[in-house]
Amino acid sequence: MTERPGSTTRVPVLEICDGRPRRRDDELATEEPLEVRVLTLSAGRWACHRVAVTLRTPGHDFELAAGFLYSEGVISDPRAIARIAYCTDPDEPQQYNVVNVYLEPGVPFDPERLSRHVYTNSSCGVCGKAALESIRVVCPRPPVGDFRLSPDFFRSLPEALQSAQRIFARTGGLHASALFDRDGRLILLREDVGRHNAMDKLVGALLLEDRLPASNTVVLVSGRASFELVQKALLAGIPVLAAVGAPSSLAVDVARAFGMTLIGFLREGRFNVYTGPERIQGGMGDG
């Protein structure tokens, strides 16, 4: 699915510049709810399971749904999906804000595996050990990244990200996840008002194209590196995650435990290597 109309919205604003008022239109990133439903075949009928609602920027909705289900461990293979479609029930409001993911007959579905039922927010009380064990269930192997990258490679990424953010350039209000190959070429970029959604869209695009695991790649995220973003990158087999902002302590713990290279504060020509310095030319070993 490609970006559909509605990714941006124009609103009237009163601009004050040098003390002088001026009325004009401003272009904003659209934020709307998206409900993800899983449909399973039972006794010849489709059973509907409402699994998540997220606020997102319209566009690449099918990738978002697929990436979310993959990163939550609901599906592990693109062949588990029979089809993805918008809700077409005339009795349902906001038909383009509801996505139905139909699973192939025989694909097991356990809604209790949805980790967002457990990790609801930063103060939910789940310990780091439980988080690590949860990831090991669905990600038993570390990602493959048998390369060594130069500091200049990483210093070039923020500019490449910014130049490719088409909607951000018009609105200034979107997060992005961008995937690069070992030569610094941009493979894929997705934008969204939600940083987790941007990563889900990217992972979903790779999943639907049967390009997972994404070995020997680097993903750059426009904000901070949270536990959830590291988890999603690990499940996609991405060995290096770089962030413009700071990582959380649990993100560092998870990256170290699974052999991922985690970089933070990648901006203004500098960056910090928190884990996996063996993939950085000049790295001095992971303490």
Protein backbone atom coordinates (compact mmCIF):
# COMPACT_ATOMS: atom_id res chain seq x y z
CA MET A 1 0.00 0.00 0.00
CA THR A 2 1.25 3.47 -0.81
CA GLU A 3 0.61 6.71 1.02
CA ARG A 4 -3.03 7.68 0.64
CA PRO A 5 -4.45 11.21 0.69
CA GLY A 6 -4.82 12.41 4.26
CA SER A 7 -1.21 12.08 5.47
CA THR A 8 -1.22 15.85 5.93
CA THR A 9 -3.91 18.34 6.91
CA ARG A 10 -4.07 22.08 6.22
CA VAL A 11 -5.26 24.37 9.03
CA PRO A 12 -5.54 28.17 9.33
CA VAL A 13 -3.04 29.82 11.69
CA LEU A 14 -2.19 33.30 12.89
CA GLU A 15 1.55 33.81 12.44
CA ILE A 16 3.36 36.48 14.47
CA CYS A 17 6.64 37.51 12.88
CA ASP A 18 8.63 40.53 14.12
CA GLY A 19 5.55 41.59 16.05
CA ARG A 20 3.35 41.62 12.94
CA PRO A 21 0.35 39.29 12.58
CA ARG A 22 -0.36 37.41 9.36
CA ARG A 23 -3.06 34.85 8.61
CA ARG A 24 -2.05 31.87 6.50
CA ASP A 25 -2.53 28.11 6.11
CA ASP A 26 -0.18 25.63 7.77
CA GLU A 27 0.37 21.99 6.81
CA LEU A 28 0.31 19.49 9.69
CA ALA A 29 0.92 15.77 9.92
CA THR A 30 -2.44 14.02 10.22
CA GLU A 31 -3.06 11.97 13.36
CA GLU A 32 -5.95 9.49 13.32
CA PRO A 33 -6.73 6.24 15.15
CA LEU A 34 -6.12 2.91 13.46
CA GLU A 35 -7.69 -0.27 14.79
CA VAL A 36 -5.95 -3.55 13.94
CA ARG A 37 -8.12 -6.66 13.84
CA VAL A 38 -7.07 -10.28 13.36
CA LEU A 39 -9.53 -12.62 11.67
CA THR A 40 -9.22 -16.39 12.05
CA LEU A 41 -11.23 -19.09 10.30
CA SER A 42 -13.29 -21.21 12.69
CA ALA A 43 -15.97 -23.71 11.64
CA GLY A 44 -16.13 -22.11 8.22
CA ARG A 45 -16.65 -18.57 9.57
CA TRP A 46 -14.28 -15.70 10.18
CA ALA A 47 -13.90 -14.81 13.86
CA CYS A 48 -12.86 -11.22 14.51
CA HIS A 49 -10.39 -10.30 17.27
CA ARG A 50 -9.79 -6.63 18.05
CA VAL A 51 -6.13 -6.54 19.08
CA ALA A 52 -4.91 -2.93 19.08
CA VAL A 53 -5.72 0.72 18.49
CA THR A 54 -2.93 3.16 17.75
CA LEU A 55 -2.79 6.81 16.75
CA ARG A 56 -0.94 7.06 13.45
CA THR A 57 -0.40 9.09 10.30
CA PRO A 58 -2.51 7.55 7.50
CA GLY A 59 -0.43 5.82 4.88
CA HIS A 60 1.22 2.37 4.72
CA ASP A 61 -1.52 1.13 7.04
CA PHE A 62 -1.23 -2.50 5.90
CA GLU A 63 2.50 -2.45 6.62
CA LEU A 64 1.79 -0.98 10.04
CA ALA A 65 -0.66 -3.75 10.87
CA ALA A 66 1.66 -6.50 9.61
CA GLY A 67 4.69 -5.03 11.37
CA PHE A 68 2.81 -4.67 14.64
CA LEU A 69 1.65 -8.30 14.57
CA TYR A 70 5.15 -9.48 13.68
CA SER A 71 6.86 -7.47 16.40
CA GLU A 72 4.32 -8.73 18.93
CA GLY A 73 5.06 -12.35 18.03
CA VAL A 74 1.56 -13.00 16.66
CA ILE A 75 2.96 -14.02 13.26
CA SER A 76 6.46 -15.12 12.32
CA ASP A 77 6.19 -15.44 8.55
CA PRO A 78 4.47 -13.49 5.73
CA ARG A 79 2.82 -16.74 4.62
CA ALA A 80 0.75 -16.67 7.81
CA ILE A 81 -1.26 -13.80 6.29
CA ALA A 82 -4.01 -14.71 3.84
CA ARG A 83 -4.80 -11.09 3.03
CA ILE A 84 -5.02 -7.61 4.53
CA ALA A 85 -7.89 -5.26 3.81
CA TYR A 86 -9.67 -2.22 5.13
CA CYS A 87 -12.95 -2.88 6.89
CA THR A 88 -15.74 -2.66 4.32
CA ASP A 89 -18.69 -3.19 6.66
CA PRO A 90 -21.13 -0.36 5.82
CA ASP A 91 -22.26 -0.32 9.46
CA GLU A 92 -18.73 0.41 10.68
CA PRO A 93 -17.63 4.06 11.00
CA GLN A 94 -14.23 5.25 9.72
CA GLN A 95 -13.72 2.35 7.34
CA TYR A 96 -10.24 3.49 6.37
CA ASN A 97 -9.21 3.55 10.03
CA VAL A 98 -9.86 -0.18 10.57
CA VAL A 99 -7.54 -2.82 9.07
CA ASN A 100 -8.45 -6.50 8.98
CA VAL A 101 -5.61 -9.04 8.87
CA TYR A 102 -6.89 -12.45 7.76
CA LEU A 103 -4.72 -15.35 8.90
CA GLU A 104 -4.33 -18.50 6.83
CA PRO A 105 -6.39 -21.47 8.07
CA GLY A 106 -4.46 -23.41 10.69
CA VAL A 107 -2.25 -20.51 11.79
CA PRO A 108 -2.46 -20.43 15.61
CA PHE A 109 -3.56 -17.19 17.21
CA ASP A 110 -3.22 -16.48 20.91
CA PRO A 111 -4.23 -12.91 21.85
CA GLU A 112 -2.55 -13.34 25.22
CA ARG A 113 0.84 -13.22 23.47
CA LEU A 114 0.36 -9.56 22.69
CA SER A 115 3.08 -8.01 24.82
CA ARG A 116 1.35 -4.62 24.85
CA HIS A 117 -1.13 -6.20 27.23
CA VAL A 118 1.88 -6.48 29.59
CA TYR A 119 4.20 -3.58 28.77
CA THR A 120 1.56 -0.88 28.86
CA ASN A 121 3.77 2.05 29.83
CA SER A 122 7.06 3.07 31.42
CA SER A 123 5.73 2.56 34.96
CA CYS A 124 3.96 -0.77 34.59
CA GLY A 125 6.30 -2.51 37.03
CA VAL A 126 7.60 -5.25 34.70
CA CYS A 127 11.24 -5.95 35.51
CA GLY A 128 14.06 -6.00 32.99
CA LYS A 129 14.61 -9.74 33.48
CA ALA A 130 11.01 -10.46 32.46
CA ALA A 131 11.41 -8.26 29.39
CA LEU A 132 14.54 -10.14 28.30
CA GLU A 133 12.89 -13.52 28.77
CA SER A 134 9.88 -12.37 26.76
CA ILE A 135 12.11 -11.45 23.81
CA ARG A 136 14.03 -14.73 23.98
CA VAL A 137 10.79 -16.62 23.36
CA VAL A 138 10.27 -15.00 19.95
CA CYS A 139 13.88 -14.05 19.12
CA PRO A 140 16.16 -16.95 20.11
CA ARG A 141 19.04 -15.97 17.76
CA PRO A 142 21.07 -12.73 17.64
CA PRO A 143 20.96 -10.64 14.46
CA VAL A 144 23.68 -11.09 11.84
CA GLY A 145 25.99 -8.14 11.26
CA ASP A 146 29.39 -9.34 10.09
CA PHE A 147 30.75 -5.92 9.13
CA ARG A 148 32.81 -3.08 10.56
CA LEU A 149 31.55 0.41 9.78
CA SER A 150 33.49 3.67 9.91
CA PRO A 151 32.54 6.62 12.11
CA ASP A 152 32.01 8.61 8.90
CA PHE A 153 29.37 6.07 7.86
CA PHE A 154 27.28 6.93 10.91
CA ARG A 155 27.92 10.67 10.75
CA SER A 156 26.42 10.70 7.23
CA LEU A 157 23.15 9.04 8.24
CA PRO A 158 21.25 11.97 9.83
CA GLU A 159 21.58 14.09 6.69
CA ALA A 160 20.47 11.15 4.52
CA LEU A 161 17.48 10.64 6.81
CA GLN A 162 16.47 14.29 6.79
CA SER A 163 16.74 14.64 3.02
CA ALA A 164 14.47 11.58 2.54
CA GLN A 165 11.75 12.65 4.99
CA ARG A 166 9.27 13.96 2.45
CA ILE A 167 6.33 14.60 4.79
CA PHE A 168 8.52 15.90 7.64
CA ALA A 169 9.93 18.50 5.26
CA ARG A 170 6.40 19.85 4.81
CA THR A 171 5.14 19.54 8.39
CA GLY A 172 8.08 19.24 10.81
CA GLY A 173 5.97 16.85 12.88
CA LEU A 174 6.88 13.25 12.12
CA HIS A 175 9.20 10.55 13.41
CA ALA A 176 11.03 8.30 10.97
CA SER A 177 12.76 4.93 10.78
CA ALA A 178 15.23 4.50 7.94
CA LEU A 179 17.03 1.32 6.89
CA PHE A 180 20.48 1.51 5.27
CA ASP A 181 22.75 -1.12 3.76
CA ARG A 182 26.40 -1.54 4.72
CA ASP A 183 27.41 0.97 2.01
CA GLY A 184 25.17 3.68 3.40
CA ARG A 185 22.51 3.39 0.71
CA LEU A 186 18.96 4.07 1.87
CA ILE A 187 16.89 0.89 1.49
CA LEU A 188 13.60 1.97 3.01
CA LEU A 189 12.10 4.82 5.04
CA ARG A 190 8.79 5.16 6.83
CA GLU A 191 7.34 8.19 8.65
CA ASP A 192 4.63 8.50 11.29
CA VAL A 193 3.57 10.69 14.20
CA GLY A 194 4.37 7.69 16.41
CA ARG A 195 7.98 6.49 16.54
CA HIS A 196 6.86 2.90 17.23
CA ASN A 197 4.48 3.10 14.27
CA ALA A 198 7.28 4.26 11.97
CA MET A 199 9.32 1.19 12.95
CA ASP A 200 6.30 -1.12 12.58
CA LYS A 201 5.67 0.26 9.07
CA LEU A 202 9.29 -0.36 8.11
CA VAL A 203 9.34 -3.90 9.54
CA GLY A 204 5.93 -4.62 8.01
CA ALA A 205 7.15 -3.56 4.57
CA LEU A 206 10.12 -5.92 4.86
CA LEU A 207 7.87 -8.72 6.12
CA LEU A 208 5.33 -8.42 3.31
CA GLU A 209 8.17 -8.41 0.76
CA ASP A 210 9.66 -11.52 2.46
CA ARG A 211 12.94 -9.68 3.19
CA LEU A 212 13.37 -10.71 6.82
CA PRO A 213 15.70 -11.16 8.58
CA ALA A 214 17.32 -7.88 7.55
CA SER A 215 20.91 -8.99 8.15
CA ASN A 216 23.86 -6.61 7.67
CA THR A 217 21.71 -3.48 7.80
CA VAL A 218 21.52 -0.39 9.99
CA VAL A 219 18.33 1.31 11.13
CA LEU A 220 18.28 4.97 12.16
CA VAL A 221 15.40 6.33 14.25
CA SER A 222 14.68 10.03 14.56
CA GLY A 223 13.97 10.09 18.30
CA ARG A 224 15.25 8.21 21.31
CA ALA A 225 15.99 4.49 21.44
CA SER A 226 13.41 2.83 23.67
CA PHE A 227 13.12 -0.81 24.72
CA GLU A 228 10.30 -1.35 22.22
CA LEU A 229 12.27 0.01 19.27
CA VAL A 230 15.24 -2.21 20.10
CA GLN A 231 12.88 -5.19 20.45
CA LYS A 232 11.29 -4.53 17.04
CA ALA A 233 14.69 -4.17 15.36
CA LEU A 234 15.92 -7.40 16.95
CA LEU A 235 12.91 -9.37 15.78
CA ALA A 236 13.53 -8.03 12.27
CA GLY A 237 17.13 -9.27 12.43
CA ILE A 238 18.63 -5.78 12.22
CA PRO A 239 22.08 -5.83 13.90
CA VAL A 240 22.64 -2.06 14.34
CA LEU A 241 20.22 0.54 15.68
CA ALA A 242 21.24 4.20 15.76
CA ALA A 243 19.17 6.94 17.34
CA VAL A 244 19.31 10.71 17.16
CA GLY A 245 18.34 10.80 20.84
CA ALA A 246 19.22 8.88 23.98
CA PRO A 247 18.66 5.19 24.68
CA SER A 248 16.92 3.96 27.80
CA SER A 249 18.73 1.69 30.26
CA LEU A 250 16.54 -1.29 29.33
CA ALA A 251 17.21 -0.67 25.63
CA VAL A 252 20.95 -0.92 26.39
CA ASP A 253 20.45 -4.11 28.44
CA VAL A 254 18.47 -5.78 25.65
CA ALA A 255 20.89 -4.70 22.90
CA ARG A 256 23.86 -6.06 24.88
CA ALA A 257 22.11 -9.35 25.67
CA PHE A 258 21.31 -10.02 22.01
CA GLY A 259 24.52 -8.82 20.38
CA MET A 260 23.11 -5.67 18.81
CA THR A 261 25.15 -2.53 18.24
CA LEU A 262 23.29 0.40 19.82
CA ILE A 263 24.23 4.00 19.09
CA GLY A 264 22.73 7.11 20.63
CA PHE A 265 23.01 10.91 20.31
CA LEU A 266 23.90 10.60 16.62
CA ARG A 267 23.91 14.27 15.68
CA GLU A 268 26.22 17.22 15.04
CA GLY A 269 29.03 14.95 13.92
CA ARG A 270 29.28 12.83 17.07
CA PHE A 271 27.67 9.75 18.64
CA ASN A 272 27.90 7.37 21.61
CA VAL A 273 28.35 3.63 21.19
CA TYR A 274 26.50 1.87 24.03
CA THR A 275 26.84 -1.76 22.92
CA GLY A 276 28.52 -3.72 20.14
CA PRO A 277 31.57 -1.51 19.44
CA GLU A 278 33.18 -4.43 17.59
CA ARG A 279 31.14 -3.36 14.54
CA ILE A 280 32.67 0.13 14.64
CA GLN A 281 36.09 0.76 13.14
CA GLY A 282 38.21 1.94 16.05
CA GLY A 283 35.87 0.37 18.66
CA MET A 284 37.68 -0.54 21.88
CA GLY A 285 35.57 -3.46 23.06
CA ASP A 286 32.27 -3.61 24.88
CA GLY A 287 32.63 -2.92 28.58
